[in-house]
Amino acid sequence: MKELITEELKKKLTAGLDSVGADQLFGNPIELNGETVVPVAKIQIELSAAAKGSGGGTAGLKGALSNATKGDGGGDANAGVKISIEPSGFISTKSGKPELVLFD
């Protein structure tokens, strides 16, 4: 089960990151009052995984409980990736060299 979730997360994360390029994190340079400004965004990646299931054995059960009805061994697993990009600031050349200015 662990390997299934890991592979599913890898697939979804890879697919999501393939769609994110530098042009989505850095905007086109803008000339403003003789200064070049480059918009900058931040990327946030959230990974999630969930699994549930019922066992098919009686491991650890003793006495009368060891004859209890066994589970059907069924289960379910899900994995997800959420990628969000939002503006976080800009790179300014006002001082003659690049300077990152972050929004509060």
Protein backbone atom coordinates (compact mmCIF):
# COMPACT_ATOMS: atom_id res chain seq x y z
CA MET A 1 0.00 0.00 0.00
CA LYS A 2 2.81 2.42 0.90
CA GLU A 3 4.38 1.99 -2.54
CA LEU A 4 1.02 2.56 -4.27
CA ILE A 5 0.50 5.88 -2.51
CA THR A 6 4.09 6.96 -3.13
CA GLU A 7 3.85 6.21 -6.86
CA GLU A 8 0.48 7.97 -7.14
CA LEU A 9 1.84 11.06 -5.38
CA LYS A 10 4.90 11.07 -7.62
CA LYS A 11 2.73 10.94 -10.75
CA LYS A 12 0.43 13.76 -9.63
CA LEU A 13 3.26 15.95 -8.36
CA THR A 14 5.24 15.50 -11.56
CA ALA A 15 2.20 16.32 -13.70
CA GLY A 16 1.48 19.45 -11.66
CA LEU A 17 5.05 20.72 -11.65
CA ASP A 18 5.42 20.10 -15.39
CA SER A 19 2.73 22.74 -15.88
CA VAL A 20 4.58 25.33 -13.75
CA GLY A 21 7.38 27.22 -15.45
CA ALA A 22 9.59 30.17 -14.56
CA ASP A 23 7.25 32.43 -16.51
CA GLN A 24 4.54 31.68 -13.93
CA LEU A 25 6.79 32.58 -11.00
CA PHE A 26 8.43 35.62 -12.56
CA GLY A 27 6.43 38.07 -14.64
CA ASN A 28 7.69 40.01 -17.63
CA PRO A 29 9.91 42.99 -16.72
CA ILE A 30 8.02 46.28 -16.47
CA GLU A 31 9.63 49.69 -17.04
CA LEU A 32 8.25 52.16 -14.50
CA ASN A 33 9.68 55.69 -14.07
CA GLY A 34 13.10 54.61 -15.36
CA GLU A 35 13.15 51.55 -13.12
CA THR A 36 12.80 47.92 -14.15
CA VAL A 37 10.42 45.89 -11.99
CA VAL A 38 9.95 42.11 -12.28
CA PRO A 39 6.85 40.67 -10.57
CA VAL A 40 7.56 37.61 -8.39
CA ALA A 41 5.14 34.94 -7.19
CA LYS A 42 5.44 32.18 -4.62
CA ILE A 43 4.51 28.59 -5.19
CA GLN A 44 2.90 26.40 -2.54
CA ILE A 45 2.65 22.65 -2.95
CA GLU A 46 0.38 20.58 -0.72
CA LEU A 47 0.52 16.81 -0.78
CA SER A 48 -2.21 14.64 0.70
CA ALA A 49 -2.79 10.94 1.07
CA ALA A 50 -5.46 8.83 2.73
CA ALA A 51 -6.07 5.12 3.04
CA LYS A 52 -8.68 2.96 4.71
CA GLY A 53 -9.31 -0.70 4.70
CA SER A 54 -10.40 -3.77 6.53
CA GLY A 55 -8.11 -6.66 7.22
CA GLY A 56 -8.75 -10.23 6.21
CA GLY A 57 -7.05 -11.98 9.12
CA THR A 58 -7.24 -12.52 12.84
CA ALA A 59 -3.66 -11.62 13.74
CA GLY A 60 -3.27 -10.88 17.44
CA LEU A 61 -6.69 -12.24 18.42
CA LYS A 62 -6.78 -15.00 21.02
CA GLY A 63 -9.37 -17.31 22.46
CA ALA A 64 -12.98 -16.95 21.31
CA LEU A 65 -12.12 -13.81 19.34
CA SER A 66 -9.83 -15.80 17.04
CA ASN A 67 -13.00 -17.36 15.54
CA ALA A 68 -14.52 -13.96 14.78
CA THR A 69 -15.66 -13.24 11.26
CA LYS A 70 -12.77 -12.12 9.14
CA GLY A 71 -12.88 -8.91 7.14
CA ASP A 72 -13.12 -8.98 3.37
CA GLY A 73 -9.71 -7.40 2.92
CA GLY A 74 -11.16 -4.47 0.98
CA GLY A 75 -9.79 -0.94 1.07
CA ASP A 76 -9.30 2.33 -0.69
CA ALA A 77 -6.41 4.77 -1.14
CA ASN A 78 -6.30 8.31 -2.49
CA ALA A 79 -3.51 10.78 -3.16
CA GLY A 80 -3.64 14.42 -4.18
CA VAL A 81 -1.47 17.37 -5.08
CA LYS A 82 -2.57 21.00 -4.83
CA ILE A 83 -0.35 23.65 -6.38
CA SER A 84 -1.11 27.33 -5.84
CA ILE A 85 0.78 30.35 -7.13
CA GLU A 86 0.22 33.87 -5.77
CA PRO A 87 1.99 37.24 -6.08
CA SER A 88 4.58 37.76 -3.35
CA GLY A 89 6.56 40.84 -4.40
CA PHE A 90 8.86 42.17 -7.10
CA ILE A 91 12.49 42.55 -8.04
CA SER A 92 13.50 46.21 -8.27
CA THR A 93 16.56 47.78 -9.89
CA LYS A 94 16.05 51.18 -8.25
CA SER A 95 19.35 51.02 -6.34
CA GLY A 96 21.26 50.00 -9.48
CA LYS A 97 21.36 46.35 -8.50
CA PRO A 98 18.55 43.77 -8.17
CA GLU A 99 16.66 43.90 -4.87
CA LEU A 100 13.76 41.65 -3.83
CA VAL A 101 10.85 43.57 -2.31
CA LEU A 102 8.21 41.37 -0.65
CA PHE A 103 4.57 42.25 -0.03
CA ASP A 104 3.46 42.12 3.60
